[in-house]
Amino acid sequence: VAGLALTGTLLTGCTSGPDPAPPAPPRDSGVPASG
């Protein structure tokens, strides 16, 4: 947490438990440009 503070908004979305980020190939093509 202390190290990432140096990179500003990289901290957004950090969680306190195991990372729930299993990949999902492929993505839905309807992802908005800002999503």
PDB file of all heavy atoms in Angstrom:
ATOM      1  N   VAL A   1       0.836  -1.195   0.000  1.00  0.00           N
ATOM      2  CA  VAL A   1       0.000   0.000   0.000  1.00  0.00           C
ATOM      3  C   VAL A   1       0.872   1.247   0.000  1.00  0.00           C
ATOM      4  O   VAL A   1       0.656   2.191  -0.741  1.00  0.00           O
ATOM      5  CB  VAL A   1      -0.946  -0.001   1.220  1.00  0.00           C
ATOM      6  CG1 VAL A   1      -1.692   1.315   1.301  1.00  0.00           C
ATOM      7  CG2 VAL A   1      -1.929  -1.151   1.117  1.00  0.00           C
ATOM      8  N   ALA A   2       1.930   1.231   0.809  1.00  0.00           N
ATOM      9  CA  ALA A   2       2.827   2.385   0.845  1.00  0.00           C
ATOM     10  C   ALA A   2       3.545   2.559  -0.475  1.00  0.00           C
ATOM     11  O   ALA A   2       3.710   3.671  -0.976  1.00  0.00           O
ATOM     12  CB  ALA A   2       3.841   2.216   1.974  1.00  0.00           C
ATOM     13  N   GLY A   3       3.978   1.462  -1.086  1.00  0.00           N
ATOM     14  CA  GLY A   3       4.699   1.561  -2.351  1.00  0.00           C
ATOM     15  C   GLY A   3       3.824   2.066  -3.471  1.00  0.00           C
ATOM     16  O   GLY A   3       4.236   2.876  -4.287  1.00  0.00           O
ATOM     17  N   LEU A   4       2.558   1.616  -3.529  1.00  0.00           N
ATOM     18  CA  LEU A   4       1.690   2.008  -4.627  1.00  0.00           C
ATOM     19  C   LEU A   4       1.223   3.439  -4.520  1.00  0.00           C
ATOM     20  O   LEU A   4       0.812   4.034  -5.505  1.00  0.00           O
ATOM     21  CB  LEU A   4       0.478   1.069  -4.679  1.00  0.00           C
ATOM     22  CG  LEU A   4       0.759  -0.240  -5.404  1.00  0.00           C
ATOM     23  CD1 LEU A   4      -0.384  -1.207  -5.165  1.00  0.00           C
ATOM     24  CD2 LEU A   4       0.932  -0.002  -6.874  1.00  0.00           C
ATOM     25  N   ALA A   5       1.272   4.003  -3.327  1.00  0.00           N
ATOM     26  CA  ALA A   5       0.851   5.386  -3.195  1.00  0.00           C
ATOM     27  C   ALA A   5       1.668   6.303  -4.084  1.00  0.00           C
ATOM     28  O   ALA A   5       1.212   7.355  -4.509  1.00  0.00           O
ATOM     29  CB  ALA A   5       0.976   5.830  -1.734  1.00  0.00           C
ATOM     30  N   LEU A   6       2.897   5.895  -4.404  1.00  0.00           N
ATOM     31  CA  LEU A   6       3.752   6.707  -5.266  1.00  0.00           C
ATOM     32  C   LEU A   6       3.215   6.803  -6.671  1.00  0.00           C
ATOM     33  O   LEU A   6       3.550   7.715  -7.400  1.00  0.00           O
ATOM     34  CB  LEU A   6       5.166   6.126  -5.285  1.00  0.00           C
ATOM     35  CG  LEU A   6       5.898   6.119  -3.945  1.00  0.00           C
ATOM     36  CD1 LEU A   6       7.215   5.370  -4.104  1.00  0.00           C
ATOM     37  CD2 LEU A   6       6.144   7.532  -3.446  1.00  0.00           C
ATOM     38  N   THR A   7       2.397   5.844  -7.090  1.00  0.00           N
ATOM     39  CA  THR A   7       1.908   5.845  -8.465  1.00  0.00           C
ATOM     40  C   THR A   7       0.497   6.391  -8.580  1.00  0.00           C
ATOM     41  O   THR A   7      -0.180   6.180  -9.573  1.00  0.00           O
ATOM     42  CB  THR A   7       1.941   4.417  -9.035  1.00  0.00           C
ATOM     43  OG1 THR A   7       1.087   3.583  -8.251  1.00  0.00           O
ATOM     44  CG2 THR A   7       3.342   3.874  -9.037  1.00  0.00           C
ATOM     45  N   GLY A   8       0.023   7.072  -7.569  1.00  0.00           N
ATOM     46  CA  GLY A   8      -1.262   7.752  -7.666  1.00  0.00           C
ATOM     47  C   GLY A   8      -2.407   6.792  -7.812  1.00  0.00           C
ATOM     48  O   GLY A   8      -2.635   5.923  -6.980  1.00  0.00           O
ATOM     49  N   THR A   9      -3.169   6.913  -8.900  1.00  0.00           N
ATOM     50  CA  THR A   9      -4.406   6.183  -9.051  1.00  0.00           C
ATOM     51  C   THR A   9      -4.229   4.700  -9.276  1.00  0.00           C
ATOM     52  O   THR A   9      -5.203   3.981  -9.416  1.00  0.00           O
ATOM     53  CB  THR A   9      -5.221   6.765 -10.224  1.00  0.00           C
ATOM     54  OG1 THR A   9      -4.399   6.747 -11.375  1.00  0.00           O
ATOM     55  CG2 THR A   9      -5.662   8.177  -9.928  1.00  0.00           C
ATOM     56  N   LEU A  10      -3.022   4.199  -9.312  1.00  0.00           N
ATOM     57  CA  LEU A  10      -2.851   2.752  -9.381  1.00  0.00           C
ATOM     58  C   LEU A  10      -3.462   2.056  -8.185  1.00  0.00           C
ATOM     59  O   LEU A  10      -3.767   0.874  -8.219  1.00  0.00           O
ATOM     60  CB  LEU A  10      -1.358   2.403  -9.453  1.00  0.00           C
ATOM     61  CG  LEU A  10      -0.738   2.444 -10.841  1.00  0.00           C
ATOM     62  CD1 LEU A  10       0.764   2.269 -10.726  1.00  0.00           C
ATOM     63  CD2 LEU A  10      -1.326   1.379 -11.726  1.00  0.00           C
ATOM     64  N   LEU A  11      -3.663   2.784  -7.073  1.00  0.00           N
ATOM     65  CA  LEU A  11      -4.231   2.166  -5.891  1.00  0.00           C
ATOM     66  C   LEU A  11      -5.701   1.841  -6.061  1.00  0.00           C
ATOM     67  O   LEU A  11      -6.240   1.012  -5.350  1.00  0.00           O
ATOM     68  CB  LEU A  11      -4.071   3.115  -4.689  1.00  0.00           C
ATOM     69  CG  LEU A  11      -2.767   2.977  -3.908  1.00  0.00           C
ATOM     70  CD1 LEU A  11      -2.652   4.097  -2.896  1.00  0.00           C
ATOM     71  CD2 LEU A  11      -2.716   1.632  -3.221  1.00  0.00           C
ATOM     72  N   THR A  12      -6.369   2.506  -6.961  1.00  0.00           N
ATOM     73  CA  THR A  12      -7.794   2.303  -7.118  1.00  0.00           C
ATOM     74  C   THR A  12      -8.115   0.840  -7.351  1.00  0.00           C
ATOM     75  O   THR A  12      -7.579   0.197  -8.242  1.00  0.00           O
ATOM     76  CB  THR A  12      -8.322   3.127  -8.309  1.00  0.00           C
ATOM     77  OG1 THR A  12      -7.982   4.481  -8.095  1.00  0.00           O
ATOM     78  CG2 THR A  12      -9.807   2.977  -8.463  1.00  0.00           C
ATOM     79  N   GLY A  13      -9.022   0.305  -6.557  1.00  0.00           N
ATOM     80  CA  GLY A  13      -9.467  -1.060  -6.762  1.00  0.00           C
ATOM     81  C   GLY A  13      -8.715  -2.089  -5.971  1.00  0.00           C
ATOM     82  O   GLY A  13      -8.950  -3.276  -6.113  1.00  0.00           O
ATOM     83  N   CYS A  14      -7.763  -1.714  -5.090  1.00  0.00           N
ATOM     84  CA  CYS A  14      -7.061  -2.702  -4.284  1.00  0.00           C
ATOM     85  C   CYS A  14      -8.033  -3.362  -3.321  1.00  0.00           C
ATOM     86  O   CYS A  14      -8.942  -2.726  -2.792  1.00  0.00           O
ATOM     87  CB  CYS A  14      -5.935  -2.036  -3.492  1.00  0.00           C
ATOM     88  SG  CYS A  14      -4.505  -1.654  -4.493  1.00  0.00           S
ATOM     89  N   THR A  15      -7.866  -4.632  -3.082  1.00  0.00           N
ATOM     90  CA  THR A  15      -8.698  -5.362  -2.141  1.00  0.00           C
ATOM     91  C   THR A  15      -7.835  -5.906  -1.033  1.00  0.00           C
ATOM     92  O   THR A  15      -6.625  -5.985  -1.143  1.00  0.00           O
ATOM     93  CB  THR A  15      -9.420  -6.519  -2.849  1.00  0.00           C
ATOM     94  OG1 THR A  15      -8.427  -7.381  -3.404  1.00  0.00           O
ATOM     95  CG2 THR A  15     -10.319  -6.011  -3.956  1.00  0.00           C
ATOM     96  N   SER A  16      -8.472  -6.314   0.059  1.00  0.00           N
ATOM     97  CA  SER A  16      -7.711  -6.790   1.201  1.00  0.00           C
ATOM     98  C   SER A  16      -7.603  -8.297   1.244  1.00  0.00           C
ATOM     99  O   SER A  16      -6.845  -8.842   2.022  1.00  0.00           O
ATOM    100  CB  SER A  16      -8.371  -6.294   2.494  1.00  0.00           C
ATOM    101  OG  SER A  16      -9.711  -6.745   2.557  1.00  0.00           O
ATOM    102  N   GLY A  17      -8.372  -9.002   0.451  1.00  0.00           N
ATOM    103  CA  GLY A  17      -8.318 -10.451   0.456  1.00  0.00           C
ATOM    104  C   GLY A  17      -7.637 -10.976  -0.777  1.00  0.00           C
ATOM    105  O   GLY A  17      -7.006 -10.235  -1.513  1.00  0.00           O
ATOM    106  N   PRO A  18      -7.759 -12.293  -1.057  1.00  0.00           N
ATOM    107  CA  PRO A  18      -7.168 -12.868  -2.266  1.00  0.00           C
ATOM    108  C   PRO A  18      -7.725 -12.180  -3.493  1.00  0.00           C
ATOM    109  O   PRO A  18      -8.912 -11.862  -3.564  1.00  0.00           O
ATOM    110  CB  PRO A  18      -7.593 -14.344  -2.189  1.00  0.00           C
ATOM    111  CG  PRO A  18      -7.869 -14.570  -0.742  1.00  0.00           C
ATOM    112  CD  PRO A  18      -8.402 -13.281  -0.209  1.00  0.00           C
ATOM    113  N   ASP A  19      -6.870 -11.932  -4.455  1.00  0.00           N
ATOM    114  CA  ASP A  19      -7.293 -11.203  -5.648  1.00  0.00           C
ATOM    115  C   ASP A  19      -8.258 -12.047  -6.468  1.00  0.00           C
ATOM    116  O   ASP A  19      -7.958 -13.168  -6.849  1.00  0.00           O
ATOM    117  CB  ASP A  19      -6.084 -10.866  -6.511  1.00  0.00           C
ATOM    118  CG  ASP A  19      -6.465  -9.912  -7.596  1.00  0.00           C
ATOM    119  OD1 ASP A  19      -6.451  -8.708  -7.338  1.00  0.00           O
ATOM    120  OD2 ASP A  19      -6.781 -10.393  -8.692  1.00  0.00           O
ATOM    121  N   PRO A  20      -9.441 -11.522  -6.744  1.00  0.00           N
ATOM    122  CA  PRO A  20     -10.447 -12.302  -7.465  1.00  0.00           C
ATOM    123  C   PRO A  20     -10.363 -12.100  -8.954  1.00  0.00           C
ATOM    124  O   PRO A  20     -11.376 -11.930  -9.622  1.00  0.00           O
ATOM    125  CB  PRO A  20     -11.754 -11.713  -6.928  1.00  0.00           C
ATOM    126  CG  PRO A  20     -11.423 -10.260  -6.724  1.00  0.00           C
ATOM    127  CD  PRO A  20      -9.961 -10.219  -6.350  1.00  0.00           C
ATOM    128  N   ALA A  21      -9.163 -12.054  -9.518  1.00  0.00           N
ATOM    129  CA  ALA A  21      -9.017 -11.626 -10.906  1.00  0.00           C
ATOM    130  C   ALA A  21      -8.713 -12.750 -11.859  1.00  0.00           C
ATOM    131  O   ALA A  21      -7.834 -12.631 -12.682  1.00  0.00           O
ATOM    132  CB  ALA A  21      -7.937 -10.571 -10.998  1.00  0.00           C
ATOM    133  N   PRO A  22      -9.423 -13.877 -11.785  1.00  0.00           N
ATOM    134  CA  PRO A  22      -9.184 -14.874 -12.810  1.00  0.00           C
ATOM    135  C   PRO A  22      -9.550 -14.285 -14.155  1.00  0.00           C
ATOM    136  O   PRO A  22     -10.502 -13.510 -14.259  1.00  0.00           O
ATOM    137  CB  PRO A  22     -10.125 -16.027 -12.432  1.00  0.00           C
ATOM    138  CG  PRO A  22     -11.167 -15.395 -11.589  1.00  0.00           C
ATOM    139  CD  PRO A  22     -10.494 -14.273 -10.872  1.00  0.00           C
ATOM    140  N   PRO A  23      -8.800 -14.587 -15.170  1.00  0.00           N
ATOM    141  CA  PRO A  23      -9.030 -13.975 -16.476  1.00  0.00           C
ATOM    142  C   PRO A  23     -10.313 -14.468 -17.102  1.00  0.00           C
ATOM    143  O   PRO A  23     -10.856 -15.489 -16.712  1.00  0.00           O
ATOM    144  CB  PRO A  23      -7.819 -14.433 -17.292  1.00  0.00           C
ATOM    145  CG  PRO A  23      -7.475 -15.745 -16.687  1.00  0.00           C
ATOM    146  CD  PRO A  23      -7.770 -15.616 -15.227  1.00  0.00           C
ATOM    147  N   ALA A  24     -10.761 -13.732 -18.080  1.00  0.00           N
ATOM    148  CA  ALA A  24     -11.995 -14.119 -18.749  1.00  0.00           C
ATOM    149  C   ALA A  24     -11.842 -13.956 -20.239  1.00  0.00           C
ATOM    150  O   ALA A  24     -12.436 -13.089 -20.842  1.00  0.00           O
ATOM    151  CB  ALA A  24     -13.154 -13.264 -18.237  1.00  0.00           C
ATOM    152  N   PRO A  25     -11.020 -14.754 -20.872  1.00  0.00           N
ATOM    153  CA  PRO A  25     -10.898 -14.629 -22.328  1.00  0.00           C
ATOM    154  C   PRO A  25     -12.105 -15.235 -22.988  1.00  0.00           C
ATOM    155  O   PRO A  25     -12.514 -16.317 -22.607  1.00  0.00           O
ATOM    156  CB  PRO A  25      -9.636 -15.434 -22.642  1.00  0.00           C
ATOM    157  CG  PRO A  25      -9.539 -16.440 -21.549  1.00  0.00           C
ATOM    158  CD  PRO A  25     -10.147 -15.805 -20.351  1.00  0.00           C
ATOM    159  N   PRO A  26     -12.674 -14.615 -23.965  1.00  0.00           N
ATOM    160  CA  PRO A  26     -12.410 -13.247 -24.381  1.00  0.00           C
ATOM    161  C   PRO A  26     -13.418 -12.289 -23.771  1.00  0.00           C
ATOM    162  O   PRO A  26     -14.428 -12.717 -23.229  1.00  0.00           O
ATOM    163  CB  PRO A  26     -12.566 -13.325 -25.899  1.00  0.00           C
ATOM    164  CG  PRO A  26     -13.570 -14.417 -26.098  1.00  0.00           C
ATOM    165  CD  PRO A  26     -13.418 -15.388 -24.952  1.00  0.00           C
ATOM    166  N   ARG A  27     -13.217 -10.956 -23.915  1.00  0.00           N
ATOM    167  CA  ARG A  27     -14.112  -9.971 -23.330  1.00  0.00           C
ATOM    168  C   ARG A  27     -15.360  -9.785 -24.170  1.00  0.00           C
ATOM    169  O   ARG A  27     -15.391 -10.050 -25.355  1.00  0.00           O
ATOM    170  CB  ARG A  27     -13.407  -8.608 -23.240  1.00  0.00           C
ATOM    171  CG  ARG A  27     -12.406  -8.507 -22.163  1.00  0.00           C
ATOM    172  CD  ARG A  27     -11.912  -7.080 -22.103  1.00  0.00           C
ATOM    173  NE  ARG A  27     -11.417  -6.666 -23.397  1.00  0.00           N
ATOM    174  CZ  ARG A  27     -10.189  -6.916 -23.793  1.00  0.00           C
ATOM    175  NH1 ARG A  27      -9.371  -7.564 -23.031  1.00  0.00           N
ATOM    176  NH2 ARG A  27      -9.794  -6.517 -24.976  1.00  0.00           N
ATOM    177  N   ASP A  28     -16.380  -9.237 -23.514  1.00  0.00           N
ATOM    178  CA  ASP A  28     -17.572  -8.829 -24.227  1.00  0.00           C
ATOM    179  C   ASP A  28     -17.248  -7.591 -25.054  1.00  0.00           C
ATOM    180  O   ASP A  28     -16.612  -6.658 -24.569  1.00  0.00           O
ATOM    181  CB  ASP A  28     -18.686  -8.511 -23.229  1.00  0.00           C
ATOM    182  CG  ASP A  28     -19.974  -8.120 -23.939  1.00  0.00           C
ATOM    183  OD1 ASP A  28     -20.714  -9.029 -24.312  1.00  0.00           O
ATOM    184  OD2 ASP A  28     -20.204  -6.911 -24.115  1.00  0.00           O
ATOM    185  N   SER A  29     -17.683  -7.587 -26.310  1.00  0.00           N
ATOM    186  CA  SER A  29     -17.312  -6.491 -27.203  1.00  0.00           C
ATOM    187  C   SER A  29     -18.038  -5.204 -26.881  1.00  0.00           C
ATOM    188  O   SER A  29     -17.748  -4.171 -27.457  1.00  0.00           O
ATOM    189  CB  SER A  29     -17.597  -6.892 -28.654  1.00  0.00           C
ATOM    190  OG  SER A  29     -18.969  -7.166 -28.823  1.00  0.00           O
ATOM    191  N   GLY A  30     -18.977  -5.265 -25.958  1.00  0.00           N
ATOM    192  CA  GLY A  30     -19.723  -4.061 -25.634  1.00  0.00           C
ATOM    193  C   GLY A  30     -19.105  -3.223 -24.542  1.00  0.00           C
ATOM    194  O   GLY A  30     -19.733  -2.307 -24.039  1.00  0.00           O
ATOM    195  N   VAL A  31     -17.863  -3.522 -24.143  1.00  0.00           N
ATOM    196  CA  VAL A  31     -17.211  -2.729 -23.106  1.00  0.00           C
ATOM    197  C   VAL A  31     -17.130  -1.280 -23.572  1.00  0.00           C
ATOM    198  O   VAL A  31     -16.617  -1.005 -24.643  1.00  0.00           O
ATOM    199  CB  VAL A  31     -15.794  -3.267 -22.819  1.00  0.00           C
ATOM    200  CG1 VAL A  31     -15.080  -2.345 -21.841  1.00  0.00           C
ATOM    201  CG2 VAL A  31     -15.877  -4.664 -22.231  1.00  0.00           C
ATOM    202  N   PRO A  32     -17.660  -0.329 -22.784  1.00  0.00           N
ATOM    203  CA  PRO A  32     -17.579   1.071 -23.215  1.00  0.00           C
ATOM    204  C   PRO A  32     -16.150   1.555 -23.212  1.00  0.00           C
ATOM    205  O   PRO A  32     -15.289   0.996 -22.549  1.00  0.00           O
ATOM    206  CB  PRO A  32     -18.426   1.807 -22.164  1.00  0.00           C
ATOM    207  CG  PRO A  32     -18.390   0.925 -20.959  1.00  0.00           C
ATOM    208  CD  PRO A  32     -18.316  -0.487 -21.489  1.00  0.00           C
ATOM    209  N   ALA A  33     -15.919   2.631 -23.950  1.00  0.00           N
ATOM    210  CA  ALA A  33     -14.553   3.129 -24.085  1.00  0.00           C
ATOM    211  C   ALA A  33     -13.939   3.480 -22.747  1.00  0.00           C
ATOM    212  O   ALA A  33     -12.736   3.410 -22.569  1.00  0.00           O
ATOM    213  CB  ALA A  33     -14.534   4.351 -25.004  1.00  0.00           C
ATOM    214  N   SER A  34     -14.760   3.883 -21.775  1.00  0.00           N
ATOM    215  CA  SER A  34     -14.222   4.277 -20.484  1.00  0.00           C
ATOM    216  C   SER A  34     -14.333   3.168 -19.448  1.00  0.00           C
ATOM    217  O   SER A  34     -14.130   3.398 -18.268  1.00  0.00           O
ATOM    218  CB  SER A  34     -14.966   5.518 -19.975  1.00  0.00           C
ATOM    219  OG  SER A  34     -16.352   5.246 -19.884  1.00  0.00           O
ATOM    220  N   GLY A  35     -14.646   1.937 -19.870  1.00  0.00           N
ATOM    221  CA  GLY A  35     -14.925   0.878 -18.921  1.00  0.00           C
ATOM    222  C   GLY A  35     -13.728   0.039 -18.539  1.00  0.00           C
ATOM    223  O   GLY A  35     -13.892  -0.991 -17.896  1.00  0.00           O
TER     224      GLY A  35
END
